[in-house]
Amino acid sequence: MKPRTKSSLLWGVVGGLAFLVLVQGYELLAAEPVSVPAKVGVALVVAAGAALATYATQPRLFGNESP
């Protein structure tokens, strides 16, 4: 697997997990729970969006030292 692809996928995982942490915080502060399918669905969309965004913008980042 190319390093660029691997990096993008890992950033996608980070984005999805960060979203799930934010939903957990929301549920702790609000009285309204969020359904599990909604959490998983939006987390997958966020993960895919983060992976695509990092893959598309990696060559343009200032100071990028990867080949």
PDB file of N, CA and C in Angstrom:
ATOM      1  N   MET A   1       0.849  -1.173   0.000  1.00  0.00           N
ATOM      2  CA  MET A   1       0.000   0.000   0.000  1.00  0.00           C
ATOM      3  C   MET A   1       0.898   1.241   0.000  1.00  0.00           C
ATOM      4  N   LYS A   2       0.528   2.195  -0.821  1.00  0.00           N
ATOM      5  CA  LYS A   2       1.299   3.430  -0.895  1.00  0.00           C
ATOM      6  C   LYS A   2       1.190   4.204   0.422  1.00  0.00           C
ATOM      7  N   PRO A   3       2.265   4.888   0.816  1.00  0.00           N
ATOM      8  CA  PRO A   3       2.207   5.668   2.060  1.00  0.00           C
ATOM      9  C   PRO A   3       1.122   6.750   2.036  1.00  0.00           C
ATOM     10  N   ARG A   4       0.901   7.344   0.875  1.00  0.00           N
ATOM     11  CA  ARG A   4      -0.131   8.389   0.771  1.00  0.00           C
ATOM     12  C   ARG A   4      -1.515   7.811   1.049  1.00  0.00           C
ATOM     13  N   THR A   5      -1.801   6.639   0.494  1.00  0.00           N
ATOM     14  CA  THR A   5      -3.094   5.985   0.714  1.00  0.00           C
ATOM     15  C   THR A   5      -3.247   5.558   2.164  1.00  0.00           C
ATOM     16  N   LYS A   6      -2.204   4.987   2.717  1.00  0.00           N
ATOM     17  CA  LYS A   6      -2.245   4.536   4.111  1.00  0.00           C
ATOM     18  C   LYS A   6      -2.476   5.714   5.050  1.00  0.00           C
ATOM     19  N   SER A   7      -1.785   6.808   4.801  1.00  0.00           N
ATOM     20  CA  SER A   7      -1.946   8.000   5.626  1.00  0.00           C
ATOM     21  C   SER A   7      -3.373   8.541   5.543  1.00  0.00           C
ATOM     22  N   SER A   8      -3.918   8.574   4.342  1.00  0.00           N
ATOM     23  CA  SER A   8      -5.278   9.075   4.168  1.00  0.00           C
ATOM     24  C   SER A   8      -6.300   8.194   4.885  1.00  0.00           C
ATOM     25  N   LEU A   9      -6.134   6.892   4.790  1.00  0.00           N
ATOM     26  CA  LEU A   9      -7.053   5.986   5.479  1.00  0.00           C
ATOM     27  C   LEU A   9      -6.958   6.132   6.997  1.00  0.00           C
ATOM     28  N   LEU A  10      -5.751   6.308   7.486  1.00  0.00           N
ATOM     29  CA  LEU A  10      -5.593   6.490   8.935  1.00  0.00           C
ATOM     30  C   LEU A  10      -6.225   7.799   9.397  1.00  0.00           C
ATOM     31  N   TRP A  11      -6.097   8.865   8.600  1.00  0.00           N
ATOM     32  CA  TRP A  11      -6.760  10.117   8.951  1.00  0.00           C
ATOM     33  C   TRP A  11      -8.275   9.971   8.894  1.00  0.00           C
ATOM     34  N   GLY A  12      -8.766   9.124   7.994  1.00  0.00           N
ATOM     35  CA  GLY A  12     -10.192   8.840   7.961  1.00  0.00           C
ATOM     36  C   GLY A  12     -10.656   8.160   9.238  1.00  0.00           C
ATOM     37  N   VAL A  13      -9.880   7.214   9.722  1.00  0.00           N
ATOM     38  CA  VAL A  13     -10.205   6.537  10.985  1.00  0.00           C
ATOM     39  C   VAL A  13     -10.202   7.548  12.135  1.00  0.00           C
ATOM     40  N   VAL A  14      -9.219   8.421  12.154  1.00  0.00           N
ATOM     41  CA  VAL A  14      -9.144   9.442  13.204  1.00  0.00           C
ATOM     42  C   VAL A  14     -10.369  10.354  13.145  1.00  0.00           C
ATOM     43  N   GLY A  15     -10.768  10.751  11.948  1.00  0.00           N
ATOM     44  CA  GLY A  15     -11.948  11.603  11.803  1.00  0.00           C
ATOM     45  C   GLY A  15     -13.215  10.925  12.281  1.00  0.00           C
ATOM     46  N   GLY A  16     -13.398   9.663  11.908  1.00  0.00           N
ATOM     47  CA  GLY A  16     -14.583   8.931  12.342  1.00  0.00           C
ATOM     48  C   GLY A  16     -14.638   8.749  13.854  1.00  0.00           C
ATOM     49  N   LEU A  17     -13.507   8.411  14.439  1.00  0.00           N
ATOM     50  CA  LEU A  17     -13.468   8.240  15.894  1.00  0.00           C
ATOM     51  C   LEU A  17     -13.651   9.562  16.624  1.00  0.00           C
ATOM     52  N   ALA A  18     -13.108  10.648  16.064  1.00  0.00           N
ATOM     53  CA  ALA A  18     -13.304  11.961  16.679  1.00  0.00           C
ATOM     54  C   ALA A  18     -14.780  12.337  16.673  1.00  0.00           C
ATOM     55  N   PHE A  19     -15.470  12.025  15.584  1.00  0.00           N
ATOM     56  CA  PHE A  19     -16.907  12.286  15.543  1.00  0.00           C
ATOM     57  C   PHE A  19     -17.633  11.501  16.623  1.00  0.00           C
ATOM     58  N   LEU A  20     -17.285  10.230  16.784  1.00  0.00           N
ATOM     59  CA  LEU A  20     -17.948   9.418  17.812  1.00  0.00           C
ATOM     60  C   LEU A  20     -17.689   9.961  19.216  1.00  0.00           C
ATOM     61  N   VAL A  21     -16.514  10.502  19.456  1.00  0.00           N
ATOM     62  CA  VAL A  21     -16.220  11.114  20.751  1.00  0.00           C
ATOM     63  C   VAL A  21     -17.087  12.355  20.955  1.00  0.00           C
ATOM     64  N   LEU A  22     -17.256  13.150  19.903  1.00  0.00           N
ATOM     65  CA  LEU A  22     -18.113  14.333  20.022  1.00  0.00           C
ATOM     66  C   LEU A  22     -19.572  13.950  20.289  1.00  0.00           C
ATOM     67  N   VAL A  23     -20.044  12.888  19.659  1.00  0.00           N
ATOM     68  CA  VAL A  23     -21.419  12.435  19.911  1.00  0.00           C
ATOM     69  C   VAL A  23     -21.562  11.943  21.345  1.00  0.00           C
ATOM     70  N   GLN A  24     -20.550  11.267  21.840  1.00  0.00           N
ATOM     71  CA  GLN A  24     -20.585  10.808  23.234  1.00  0.00           C
ATOM     72  C   GLN A  24     -20.670  12.002  24.188  1.00  0.00           C
ATOM     73  N   GLY A  25     -19.892  13.032  23.923  1.00  0.00           N
ATOM     74  CA  GLY A  25     -19.954  14.236  24.748  1.00  0.00           C
ATOM     75  C   GLY A  25     -21.312  14.902  24.675  1.00  0.00           C
ATOM     76  N   TYR A  26     -21.899  14.931  23.481  1.00  0.00           N
ATOM     77  CA  TYR A  26     -23.228  15.499  23.335  1.00  0.00           C
ATOM     78  C   TYR A  26     -24.240  14.723  24.175  1.00  0.00           C
ATOM     79  N   GLU A  27     -24.155  13.404  24.134  1.00  0.00           N
ATOM     80  CA  GLU A  27     -25.101  12.596  24.901  1.00  0.00           C
ATOM     81  C   GLU A  27     -24.923  12.772  26.405  1.00  0.00           C
ATOM     82  N   LEU A  28     -23.698  13.043  26.828  1.00  0.00           N
ATOM     83  CA  LEU A  28     -23.481  13.274  28.258  1.00  0.00           C
ATOM     84  C   LEU A  28     -24.097  14.593  28.707  1.00  0.00           C
ATOM     85  N   LEU A  29     -24.082  15.601  27.834  1.00  0.00           N
ATOM     86  CA  LEU A  29     -24.589  16.923  28.204  1.00  0.00           C
ATOM     87  C   LEU A  29     -26.066  17.112  27.900  1.00  0.00           C
ATOM     88  N   ALA A  30     -26.573  16.452  26.884  1.00  0.00           N
ATOM     89  CA  ALA A  30     -27.975  16.618  26.487  1.00  0.00           C
ATOM     90  C   ALA A  30     -28.795  15.425  26.990  1.00  0.00           C
ATOM     91  N   ALA A  31     -30.070  15.642  27.084  1.00  0.00           N
ATOM     92  CA  ALA A  31     -30.954  14.576  27.562  1.00  0.00           C
ATOM     93  C   ALA A  31     -31.407  13.666  26.432  1.00  0.00           C
ATOM     94  N   GLU A  32     -31.144  14.043  25.195  1.00  0.00           N
ATOM     95  CA  GLU A  32     -31.616  13.272  24.050  1.00  0.00           C
ATOM     96  C   GLU A  32     -30.535  12.317  23.544  1.00  0.00           C
ATOM     97  N   PRO A  33     -30.813  11.012  23.546  1.00  0.00           N
ATOM     98  CA  PRO A  33     -29.831  10.068  22.998  1.00  0.00           C
ATOM     99  C   PRO A  33     -29.872  10.050  21.468  1.00  0.00           C
ATOM    100  N   VAL A  34     -28.772   9.639  20.874  1.00  0.00           N
ATOM    101  CA  VAL A  34     -28.678   9.495  19.422  1.00  0.00           C
ATOM    102  C   VAL A  34     -28.664   7.998  19.118  1.00  0.00           C
ATOM    103  N   SER A  35     -29.426   7.585  18.119  1.00  0.00           N
ATOM    104  CA  SER A  35     -29.519   6.159  17.812  1.00  0.00           C
ATOM    105  C   SER A  35     -28.188   5.631  17.278  1.00  0.00           C
ATOM    106  N   VAL A  36     -27.937   4.363  17.515  1.00  0.00           N
ATOM    107  CA  VAL A  36     -26.686   3.727  17.084  1.00  0.00           C
ATOM    108  C   VAL A  36     -26.539   3.737  15.562  1.00  0.00           C
ATOM    109  N   PRO A  37     -27.591   3.419  14.787  1.00  0.00           N
ATOM    110  CA  PRO A  37     -27.417   3.483  13.331  1.00  0.00           C
ATOM    111  C   PRO A  37     -27.057   4.884  12.832  1.00  0.00           C
ATOM    112  N   ALA A  38     -27.622   5.909  13.448  1.00  0.00           N
ATOM    113  CA  ALA A  38     -27.287   7.276  13.056  1.00  0.00           C
ATOM    114  C   ALA A  38     -25.821   7.582  13.370  1.00  0.00           C
ATOM    115  N   LYS A  39     -25.364   7.151  14.536  1.00  0.00           N
ATOM    116  CA  LYS A  39     -23.963   7.369  14.904  1.00  0.00           C
ATOM    117  C   LYS A  39     -23.023   6.702  13.914  1.00  0.00           C
ATOM    118  N   VAL A  40     -23.296   5.438  13.619  1.00  0.00           N
ATOM    119  CA  VAL A  40     -22.426   4.673  12.727  1.00  0.00           C
ATOM    120  C   VAL A  40     -22.461   5.249  11.317  1.00  0.00           C
ATOM    121  N   GLY A  41     -23.642   5.583  10.844  1.00  0.00           N
ATOM    122  CA  GLY A  41     -23.769   6.125   9.494  1.00  0.00           C
ATOM    123  C   GLY A  41     -23.026   7.432   9.309  1.00  0.00           C
ATOM    124  N   VAL A  42     -23.219   8.347  10.236  1.00  0.00           N
ATOM    125  CA  VAL A  42     -22.545   9.638  10.118  1.00  0.00           C
ATOM    126  C   VAL A  42     -21.045   9.482  10.342  1.00  0.00           C
ATOM    127  N   ALA A  43     -20.642   8.597  11.248  1.00  0.00           N
ATOM    128  CA  ALA A  43     -19.212   8.366  11.465  1.00  0.00           C
ATOM    129  C   ALA A  43     -18.548   7.824  10.207  1.00  0.00           C
ATOM    130  N   LEU A  44     -19.235   6.946   9.475  1.00  0.00           N
ATOM    131  CA  LEU A  44     -18.676   6.430   8.220  1.00  0.00           C
ATOM    132  C   LEU A  44     -18.572   7.530   7.166  1.00  0.00           C
ATOM    133  N   VAL A  45     -19.564   8.398   7.101  1.00  0.00           N
ATOM    134  CA  VAL A  45     -19.511   9.517   6.151  1.00  0.00           C
ATOM    135  C   VAL A  45     -18.370  10.463   6.511  1.00  0.00           C
ATOM    136  N   VAL A  46     -18.209  10.755   7.790  1.00  0.00           N
ATOM    137  CA  VAL A  46     -17.123  11.622   8.230  1.00  0.00           C
ATOM    138  C   VAL A  46     -15.769  10.987   7.935  1.00  0.00           C
ATOM    139  N   ALA A  47     -15.650   9.689   8.188  1.00  0.00           N
ATOM    140  CA  ALA A  47     -14.388   8.986   7.922  1.00  0.00           C
ATOM    141  C   ALA A  47     -14.053   9.017   6.435  1.00  0.00           C
ATOM    142  N   ALA A  48     -15.050   8.763   5.591  1.00  0.00           N
ATOM    143  CA  ALA A  48     -14.812   8.792   4.147  1.00  0.00           C
ATOM    144  C   ALA A  48     -14.446  10.202   3.688  1.00  0.00           C
ATOM    145  N   GLY A  49     -15.129  11.192   4.215  1.00  0.00           N
ATOM    146  CA  GLY A  49     -14.826  12.579   3.853  1.00  0.00           C
ATOM    147  C   GLY A  49     -13.430  12.990   4.283  1.00  0.00           C
ATOM    148  N   ALA A  50     -13.040  12.594   5.475  1.00  0.00           N
ATOM    149  CA  ALA A  50     -11.697  12.934   5.955  1.00  0.00           C
ATOM    150  C   ALA A  50     -10.631  12.224   5.130  1.00  0.00           C
ATOM    151  N   ALA A  51     -10.868  10.970   4.792  1.00  0.00           N
ATOM    152  CA  ALA A  51      -9.899  10.223   3.986  1.00  0.00           C
ATOM    153  C   ALA A  51      -9.764  10.839   2.602  1.00  0.00           C
ATOM    154  N   LEU A  52     -10.880  11.170   1.975  1.00  0.00           N
ATOM    155  CA  LEU A  52     -10.825  11.779   0.641  1.00  0.00           C
ATOM    156  C   LEU A  52     -10.177  13.164   0.677  1.00  0.00           C
ATOM    157  N   ALA A  53     -10.514  13.936   1.699  1.00  0.00           N
ATOM    158  CA  ALA A  53      -9.941  15.284   1.796  1.00  0.00           C
ATOM    159  C   ALA A  53      -8.431  15.233   2.006  1.00  0.00           C
ATOM    160  N   THR A  54      -7.972  14.349   2.851  1.00  0.00           N
ATOM    161  CA  THR A  54      -6.528  14.269   3.081  1.00  0.00           C
ATOM    162  C   THR A  54      -5.800  13.709   1.872  1.00  0.00           C
ATOM    163  N   TYR A  55      -6.431  12.782   1.160  1.00  0.00           N
ATOM    164  CA  TYR A  55      -5.791  12.238  -0.044  1.00  0.00           C
ATOM    165  C   TYR A  55      -5.677  13.321  -1.118  1.00  0.00           C
ATOM    166  N   ALA A  56      -6.720  14.134  -1.247  1.00  0.00           N
ATOM    167  CA  ALA A  56      -6.730  15.163  -2.283  1.00  0.00           C
ATOM    168  C   ALA A  56      -5.804  16.336  -1.967  1.00  0.00           C
ATOM    169  N   THR A  57      -5.659  16.663  -0.701  1.00  0.00           N
ATOM    170  CA  THR A  57      -4.896  17.864  -0.340  1.00  0.00           C
ATOM    171  C   THR A  57      -3.464  17.582   0.097  1.00  0.00           C
ATOM    172  N   GLN A  58      -3.080  16.342   0.241  1.00  0.00           N
ATOM    173  CA  GLN A  58      -1.732  16.053   0.723  1.00  0.00           C
ATOM    174  C   GLN A  58      -0.628  16.667  -0.139  1.00  0.00           C
ATOM    175  N   PRO A  59      -0.708  16.612  -1.464  1.00  0.00           N
ATOM    176  CA  PRO A  59       0.383  17.204  -2.254  1.00  0.00           C
ATOM    177  C   PRO A  59       0.493  18.720  -2.109  1.00  0.00           C
ATOM    178  N   ARG A  60      -0.558  19.380  -1.698  1.00  0.00           N
ATOM    179  CA  ARG A  60      -0.557  20.840  -1.591  1.00  0.00           C
ATOM    180  C   ARG A  60      -0.136  21.361  -0.227  1.00  0.00           C
ATOM    181  N   LEU A  61       0.026  20.493   0.734  1.00  0.00           N
ATOM    182  CA  LEU A  61       0.357  20.942   2.076  1.00  0.00           C
ATOM    183  C   LEU A  61       1.766  21.510   2.132  1.00  0.00           C
ATOM    184  N   PHE A  62       1.899  22.619   2.808  1.00  0.00           N
ATOM    185  CA  PHE A  62       3.197  23.268   2.957  1.00  0.00           C
ATOM    186  C   PHE A  62       4.082  22.442   3.883  1.00  0.00           C
ATOM    187  N   GLY A  63       5.299  22.188   3.469  1.00  0.00           N
ATOM    188  CA  GLY A  63       6.238  21.459   4.291  1.00  0.00           C
ATOM    189  C   GLY A  63       6.031  19.959   4.273  1.00  0.00           C
ATOM    190  N   ASN A  64       5.291  19.451   3.302  1.00  0.00           N
ATOM    191  CA  ASN A  64       5.057  18.022   3.219  1.00  0.00           C
ATOM    192  C   ASN A  64       6.358  17.338   2.811  1.00  0.00           C
ATOM    193  N   GLU A  65       6.840  16.429   3.628  1.00  0.00           N
ATOM    194  CA  GLU A  65       8.136  15.799   3.387  1.00  0.00           C
ATOM    195  C   GLU A  65       8.023  14.364   2.919  1.00  0.00           C
ATOM    196  N   SER A  66       6.806  13.872   2.716  1.00  0.00           N
ATOM    197  CA  SER A  66       6.681  12.498   2.237  1.00  0.00           C
ATOM    198  C   SER A  66       6.902  12.459   0.724  1.00  0.00           C
ATOM    199  N   PRO A  67       7.407  11.342   0.203  1.00  0.00           N
ATOM    200  CA  PRO A  67       7.710  11.276  -1.227  1.00  0.00           C
ATOM    201  C   PRO A  67       6.485  11.282  -2.108  1.00  0.00           C
TER     202      PRO A  67
END
